[in-house]
N, C-alpha and C. Protein backbone atom coordinates (compact mmCIF):
# COMPACT_ATOMS: atom_id res chain seq x y z
N MET A 1 -137.83 -18.31 -39.76
CA MET A 1 -136.72 -18.84 -38.99
C MET A 1 -135.98 -19.85 -39.86
N SER A 2 -134.68 -19.79 -39.80
CA SER A 2 -133.87 -20.70 -40.61
C SER A 2 -133.62 -22.02 -39.87
N VAL A 3 -133.40 -23.04 -40.64
CA VAL A 3 -133.10 -24.36 -40.07
C VAL A 3 -131.78 -24.31 -39.31
N SER A 4 -130.80 -23.60 -39.85
CA SER A 4 -129.50 -23.53 -39.17
C SER A 4 -129.63 -22.87 -37.80
N LEU A 5 -130.46 -21.84 -37.69
CA LEU A 5 -130.68 -21.20 -36.39
C LEU A 5 -131.28 -22.20 -35.41
N ALA A 6 -132.28 -22.95 -35.84
CA ALA A 6 -132.92 -23.92 -34.95
C ALA A 6 -131.95 -25.01 -34.52
N VAL A 7 -131.14 -25.50 -35.45
CA VAL A 7 -130.19 -26.57 -35.13
C VAL A 7 -129.13 -26.08 -34.14
N VAL A 8 -128.54 -24.93 -34.42
CA VAL A 8 -127.50 -24.39 -33.52
C VAL A 8 -128.10 -24.08 -32.15
N THR A 9 -129.31 -23.56 -32.12
CA THR A 9 -129.98 -23.25 -30.85
C THR A 9 -130.21 -24.50 -30.02
N VAL A 10 -130.74 -25.54 -30.64
CA VAL A 10 -131.03 -26.78 -29.90
C VAL A 10 -129.73 -27.43 -29.42
N LEU A 11 -128.72 -27.47 -30.27
CA LEU A 11 -127.44 -28.06 -29.85
C LEU A 11 -126.80 -27.27 -28.71
N MET A 12 -126.80 -25.95 -28.83
CA MET A 12 -126.21 -25.12 -27.77
C MET A 12 -126.97 -25.31 -26.46
N SER A 13 -128.29 -25.34 -26.53
CA SER A 13 -129.09 -25.52 -25.32
C SER A 13 -128.81 -26.87 -24.67
N ALA A 14 -128.71 -27.91 -25.49
CA ALA A 14 -128.41 -29.24 -24.95
C ALA A 14 -127.05 -29.26 -24.27
N LEU A 15 -126.05 -28.67 -24.90
CA LEU A 15 -124.71 -28.61 -24.30
C LEU A 15 -124.72 -27.84 -22.99
N LEU A 16 -125.43 -26.73 -22.96
CA LEU A 16 -125.51 -25.92 -21.74
C LEU A 16 -126.17 -26.70 -20.61
N LEU A 17 -127.24 -27.41 -20.91
CA LEU A 17 -127.94 -28.14 -19.87
C LEU A 17 -127.12 -29.33 -19.37
N VAL A 18 -126.40 -29.99 -20.25
CA VAL A 18 -125.52 -31.09 -19.84
C VAL A 18 -124.40 -30.54 -18.94
N SER A 19 -123.82 -29.42 -19.36
CA SER A 19 -122.76 -28.81 -18.56
C SER A 19 -123.27 -28.36 -17.20
N ALA A 20 -124.44 -27.74 -17.17
CA ALA A 20 -125.02 -27.31 -15.90
C ALA A 20 -125.30 -28.51 -15.00
N GLY A 21 -125.78 -29.60 -15.60
CA GLY A 21 -126.02 -30.82 -14.83
C GLY A 21 -124.74 -31.38 -14.24
N ALA A 22 -123.68 -31.40 -15.03
CA ALA A 22 -122.39 -31.89 -14.54
C ALA A 22 -121.88 -31.02 -13.40
N LYS A 23 -122.03 -29.71 -13.55
CA LYS A 23 -121.60 -28.80 -12.47
C LYS A 23 -122.43 -29.02 -11.22
N SER A 24 -123.72 -29.26 -11.37
CA SER A 24 -124.57 -29.43 -10.20
C SER A 24 -124.25 -30.73 -9.45
N LEU A 25 -123.72 -31.73 -10.16
CA LEU A 25 -123.32 -32.97 -9.50
C LEU A 25 -122.02 -32.82 -8.73
N ARG A 26 -121.27 -31.78 -9.06
CA ARG A 26 -119.98 -31.51 -8.42
C ARG A 26 -119.07 -32.74 -8.40
N THR A 27 -118.92 -33.32 -9.56
CA THR A 27 -118.03 -34.48 -9.68
C THR A 27 -116.60 -34.06 -9.38
N ARG A 28 -115.77 -35.03 -9.10
CA ARG A 28 -114.38 -34.73 -8.77
C ARG A 28 -113.70 -34.00 -9.92
N HIS A 29 -113.94 -34.44 -11.15
CA HIS A 29 -113.33 -33.79 -12.33
C HIS A 29 -113.71 -32.31 -12.40
N ILE A 30 -114.98 -32.02 -12.22
CA ILE A 30 -115.45 -30.64 -12.31
C ILE A 30 -114.87 -29.80 -11.16
N THR A 31 -114.92 -30.31 -9.96
CA THR A 31 -114.41 -29.52 -8.83
C THR A 31 -112.90 -29.30 -8.93
N GLU A 32 -112.17 -30.30 -9.41
CA GLU A 32 -110.72 -30.12 -9.60
C GLU A 32 -110.44 -29.08 -10.69
N GLN A 33 -111.19 -29.16 -11.79
CA GLN A 33 -110.98 -28.20 -12.88
C GLN A 33 -111.30 -26.78 -12.41
N MET A 34 -112.41 -26.59 -11.72
CA MET A 34 -112.78 -25.25 -11.25
C MET A 34 -111.76 -24.73 -10.25
N SER A 35 -111.26 -25.60 -9.41
CA SER A 35 -110.24 -25.21 -8.44
C SER A 35 -108.96 -24.79 -9.15
N ALA A 36 -108.56 -25.55 -10.17
CA ALA A 36 -107.35 -25.22 -10.93
C ALA A 36 -107.51 -23.89 -11.67
N LEU A 37 -108.73 -23.56 -12.05
CA LEU A 37 -108.98 -22.29 -12.74
C LEU A 37 -109.12 -21.12 -11.78
N GLY A 38 -109.19 -21.42 -10.50
CA GLY A 38 -109.33 -20.36 -9.51
C GLY A 38 -110.76 -19.91 -9.30
N VAL A 39 -111.71 -20.76 -9.68
CA VAL A 39 -113.13 -20.44 -9.50
C VAL A 39 -113.56 -20.98 -8.14
N PRO A 40 -113.99 -20.10 -7.23
CA PRO A 40 -114.41 -20.58 -5.92
C PRO A 40 -115.69 -21.42 -6.01
N GLN A 41 -115.81 -22.40 -5.13
CA GLN A 41 -116.99 -23.26 -5.11
C GLN A 41 -118.27 -22.46 -4.91
N SER A 42 -118.17 -21.33 -4.25
CA SER A 42 -119.35 -20.50 -4.01
C SER A 42 -119.92 -19.91 -5.31
N MET A 43 -119.13 -19.92 -6.38
CA MET A 43 -119.59 -19.39 -7.66
C MET A 43 -120.28 -20.44 -8.52
N MET A 44 -120.24 -21.69 -8.12
CA MET A 44 -120.80 -22.77 -8.93
C MET A 44 -122.29 -22.57 -9.19
N ALA A 45 -123.04 -22.18 -8.18
CA ALA A 45 -124.48 -21.98 -8.36
C ALA A 45 -124.74 -20.88 -9.39
N LEU A 46 -123.94 -19.82 -9.37
CA LEU A 46 -124.10 -18.74 -10.34
C LEU A 46 -123.80 -19.22 -11.76
N LEU A 47 -122.76 -20.02 -11.91
CA LEU A 47 -122.42 -20.56 -13.23
C LEU A 47 -123.52 -21.49 -13.75
N ILE A 48 -124.05 -22.31 -12.87
CA ILE A 48 -125.15 -23.21 -13.25
C ILE A 48 -126.36 -22.40 -13.68
N CYS A 49 -126.72 -21.40 -12.90
CA CYS A 49 -127.87 -20.54 -13.26
C CYS A 49 -127.64 -19.82 -14.58
N ALA A 50 -126.44 -19.35 -14.81
CA ALA A 50 -126.14 -18.66 -16.07
C ALA A 50 -126.30 -19.60 -17.26
N GLN A 51 -125.88 -20.84 -17.10
CA GLN A 51 -126.02 -21.79 -18.21
C GLN A 51 -127.48 -22.16 -18.45
N VAL A 52 -128.23 -22.38 -17.41
CA VAL A 52 -129.65 -22.72 -17.57
C VAL A 52 -130.40 -21.53 -18.15
N ALA A 53 -130.11 -20.33 -17.67
CA ALA A 53 -130.76 -19.13 -18.20
C ALA A 53 -130.39 -18.92 -19.67
N GLY A 54 -129.14 -19.17 -20.02
CA GLY A 54 -128.71 -19.05 -21.41
C GLY A 54 -129.45 -20.02 -22.31
N ALA A 55 -129.59 -21.26 -21.85
CA ALA A 55 -130.31 -22.28 -22.62
C ALA A 55 -131.77 -21.87 -22.81
N ALA A 56 -132.40 -21.43 -21.73
CA ALA A 56 -133.80 -20.99 -21.82
C ALA A 56 -133.94 -19.77 -22.72
N GLY A 57 -132.98 -18.86 -22.62
CA GLY A 57 -133.04 -17.63 -23.41
C GLY A 57 -132.92 -17.86 -24.90
N VAL A 58 -131.99 -18.73 -25.30
CA VAL A 58 -131.84 -18.95 -26.74
C VAL A 58 -133.02 -19.75 -27.29
N ILE A 59 -133.59 -20.65 -26.48
CA ILE A 59 -134.80 -21.36 -26.92
C ILE A 59 -135.96 -20.38 -27.05
N ALA A 60 -136.15 -19.52 -26.06
CA ALA A 60 -137.21 -18.52 -26.14
C ALA A 60 -137.00 -17.59 -27.33
N GLY A 61 -135.74 -17.37 -27.67
CA GLY A 61 -135.41 -16.51 -28.80
C GLY A 61 -135.85 -17.05 -30.14
N LEU A 62 -136.17 -18.33 -30.20
CA LEU A 62 -136.72 -18.86 -31.45
C LEU A 62 -138.08 -18.24 -31.75
N TRP A 63 -138.80 -17.80 -30.70
CA TRP A 63 -140.10 -17.17 -30.88
C TRP A 63 -140.04 -15.66 -30.73
N TRP A 64 -139.11 -15.17 -29.92
CA TRP A 64 -138.99 -13.73 -29.72
C TRP A 64 -137.51 -13.37 -29.90
N GLY A 65 -137.19 -12.89 -31.08
CA GLY A 65 -135.82 -12.65 -31.50
C GLY A 65 -134.95 -11.85 -30.56
N PRO A 66 -135.43 -10.71 -30.03
CA PRO A 66 -134.57 -9.91 -29.15
C PRO A 66 -134.10 -10.67 -27.91
N VAL A 67 -134.93 -11.53 -27.38
CA VAL A 67 -134.52 -12.34 -26.22
C VAL A 67 -133.40 -13.30 -26.62
N GLY A 68 -133.54 -13.89 -27.79
CA GLY A 68 -132.51 -14.80 -28.28
C GLY A 68 -131.18 -14.11 -28.51
N ILE A 69 -131.25 -12.90 -29.04
CA ILE A 69 -130.02 -12.13 -29.26
C ILE A 69 -129.37 -11.78 -27.93
N ALA A 70 -130.17 -11.32 -26.98
CA ALA A 70 -129.63 -10.98 -25.65
C ALA A 70 -129.00 -12.20 -24.98
N ALA A 71 -129.68 -13.34 -25.07
CA ALA A 71 -129.15 -14.57 -24.46
C ALA A 71 -127.86 -15.00 -25.14
N ALA A 72 -127.83 -14.92 -26.46
CA ALA A 72 -126.62 -15.32 -27.19
C ALA A 72 -125.45 -14.39 -26.89
N ILE A 73 -125.73 -13.11 -26.72
CA ILE A 73 -124.66 -12.17 -26.33
C ILE A 73 -124.15 -12.53 -24.93
N GLY A 74 -125.07 -12.84 -24.03
CA GLY A 74 -124.66 -13.26 -22.69
C GLY A 74 -123.82 -14.53 -22.72
N LEU A 75 -124.20 -15.48 -23.57
CA LEU A 75 -123.41 -16.71 -23.70
C LEU A 75 -122.04 -16.43 -24.30
N THR A 76 -121.98 -15.51 -25.25
CA THR A 76 -120.69 -15.14 -25.83
C THR A 76 -119.76 -14.61 -24.74
N LEU A 77 -120.29 -13.75 -23.89
CA LEU A 77 -119.48 -13.20 -22.79
C LEU A 77 -119.11 -14.28 -21.78
N TYR A 78 -120.04 -15.18 -21.49
CA TYR A 78 -119.79 -16.28 -20.56
C TYR A 78 -118.63 -17.15 -21.05
N PHE A 79 -118.71 -17.55 -22.32
CA PHE A 79 -117.67 -18.45 -22.84
C PHE A 79 -116.36 -17.72 -23.10
N ALA A 80 -116.42 -16.45 -23.45
CA ALA A 80 -115.17 -15.67 -23.59
C ALA A 80 -114.48 -15.58 -22.23
N GLY A 81 -115.27 -15.43 -21.17
CA GLY A 81 -114.71 -15.45 -19.82
C GLY A 81 -114.08 -16.79 -19.49
N ALA A 82 -114.73 -17.87 -19.93
CA ALA A 82 -114.17 -19.21 -19.70
C ALA A 82 -112.83 -19.36 -20.42
N VAL A 83 -112.76 -18.85 -21.66
CA VAL A 83 -111.49 -18.89 -22.39
C VAL A 83 -110.42 -18.14 -21.61
N ALA A 84 -110.77 -16.96 -21.13
CA ALA A 84 -109.81 -16.13 -20.38
C ALA A 84 -109.32 -16.85 -19.12
N PHE A 85 -110.23 -17.49 -18.40
CA PHE A 85 -109.84 -18.20 -17.19
C PHE A 85 -108.90 -19.36 -17.51
N HIS A 86 -109.18 -20.09 -18.57
CA HIS A 86 -108.29 -21.20 -18.96
C HIS A 86 -106.91 -20.69 -19.38
N LEU A 87 -106.89 -19.65 -20.19
CA LEU A 87 -105.60 -19.12 -20.66
C LEU A 87 -104.81 -18.49 -19.52
N ARG A 88 -105.51 -17.92 -18.55
CA ARG A 88 -104.85 -17.27 -17.42
C ARG A 88 -103.97 -18.26 -16.64
N VAL A 89 -104.40 -19.52 -16.59
CA VAL A 89 -103.62 -20.52 -15.86
C VAL A 89 -102.82 -21.41 -16.81
N GLY A 90 -102.77 -21.04 -18.08
CA GLY A 90 -101.96 -21.77 -19.05
C GLY A 90 -102.60 -23.05 -19.56
N ASP A 91 -103.90 -23.17 -19.43
CA ASP A 91 -104.62 -24.37 -19.86
C ASP A 91 -105.16 -24.18 -21.29
N ARG A 92 -104.25 -24.33 -22.27
CA ARG A 92 -104.67 -24.17 -23.67
C ARG A 92 -105.62 -25.27 -24.11
N LYS A 93 -105.41 -26.48 -23.61
CA LYS A 93 -106.28 -27.59 -23.98
C LYS A 93 -107.72 -27.33 -23.52
N GLY A 94 -107.89 -26.81 -22.34
CA GLY A 94 -109.22 -26.51 -21.82
C GLY A 94 -109.84 -25.27 -22.45
N ALA A 95 -108.99 -24.39 -22.97
CA ALA A 95 -109.51 -23.17 -23.60
C ALA A 95 -110.15 -23.44 -24.95
N SER A 96 -109.72 -24.50 -25.62
CA SER A 96 -110.23 -24.80 -26.97
C SER A 96 -111.73 -25.04 -27.01
N PRO A 97 -112.28 -25.92 -26.16
CA PRO A 97 -113.74 -26.11 -26.21
C PRO A 97 -114.50 -24.83 -25.89
N ALA A 98 -113.99 -24.06 -24.95
CA ALA A 98 -114.65 -22.79 -24.61
C ALA A 98 -114.59 -21.81 -25.78
N ALA A 99 -113.49 -21.84 -26.52
CA ALA A 99 -113.37 -20.96 -27.69
C ALA A 99 -114.37 -21.37 -28.77
N VAL A 100 -114.54 -22.67 -28.96
CA VAL A 100 -115.52 -23.15 -29.95
C VAL A 100 -116.93 -22.72 -29.54
N LEU A 101 -117.24 -22.83 -28.25
CA LEU A 101 -118.56 -22.42 -27.77
C LEU A 101 -118.74 -20.90 -27.85
N THR A 102 -117.66 -20.15 -27.70
CA THR A 102 -117.74 -18.70 -27.91
C THR A 102 -118.13 -18.40 -29.35
N LEU A 103 -117.47 -19.08 -30.28
CA LEU A 103 -117.79 -18.89 -31.70
C LEU A 103 -119.21 -19.34 -32.02
N ALA A 104 -119.65 -20.43 -31.43
CA ALA A 104 -121.03 -20.89 -31.64
C ALA A 104 -122.03 -19.86 -31.10
N SER A 105 -121.69 -19.22 -29.99
CA SER A 105 -122.56 -18.18 -29.43
C SER A 105 -122.63 -16.97 -30.34
N VAL A 106 -121.49 -16.60 -30.92
CA VAL A 106 -121.46 -15.50 -31.89
C VAL A 106 -122.31 -15.86 -33.11
N ALA A 107 -122.21 -17.12 -33.53
CA ALA A 107 -123.03 -17.58 -34.66
C ALA A 107 -124.52 -17.46 -34.33
N LEU A 108 -124.89 -17.76 -33.10
CA LEU A 108 -126.29 -17.60 -32.69
C LEU A 108 -126.74 -16.15 -32.77
N VAL A 109 -125.88 -15.25 -32.33
CA VAL A 109 -126.21 -13.82 -32.43
C VAL A 109 -126.46 -13.44 -33.88
N LEU A 110 -125.54 -13.84 -34.75
CA LEU A 110 -125.64 -13.46 -36.16
C LEU A 110 -126.83 -14.13 -36.85
N LEU A 111 -127.04 -15.40 -36.59
CA LEU A 111 -128.17 -16.10 -37.19
C LEU A 111 -129.51 -15.52 -36.75
N ARG A 112 -129.61 -15.24 -35.44
CA ARG A 112 -130.86 -14.69 -34.92
C ARG A 112 -131.10 -13.29 -35.49
N ALA A 113 -130.04 -12.49 -35.54
CA ALA A 113 -130.19 -11.13 -36.07
C ALA A 113 -130.57 -11.15 -37.56
N ALA A 114 -130.05 -12.12 -38.28
CA ALA A 114 -130.35 -12.21 -39.73
C ALA A 114 -131.78 -12.63 -39.99
N THR A 115 -132.43 -13.25 -39.00
CA THR A 115 -133.79 -13.75 -39.23
C THR A 115 -134.86 -12.88 -38.57
N LEU A 116 -134.48 -11.74 -38.05
CA LEU A 116 -135.50 -10.86 -37.42
C LEU A 116 -136.41 -10.27 -38.48
């Protein structure tokens, strides 16, 4: 296993868990942003679960590569969807962090695949 894979995995997992925690608190900022993006409040639990599962999956992937690849592919799709939702409402500023996380997820796929 490469050091870069471990570092990117731990950082991505930490970001996912912080984001899931913020969503679970349903702060005014988060609820306003989700509302502006057209995401119904009923979907918040699904988004939180997806982030927690993604974090667990990429961490588990440090020991079992195929799980890590599957989780990273899921995160790539998750964040690509976030980019699409931001761009759909003209929120270029909000799309940038999601685009960076999409690229980080792709990097996880490639790093994990290179170390199998």
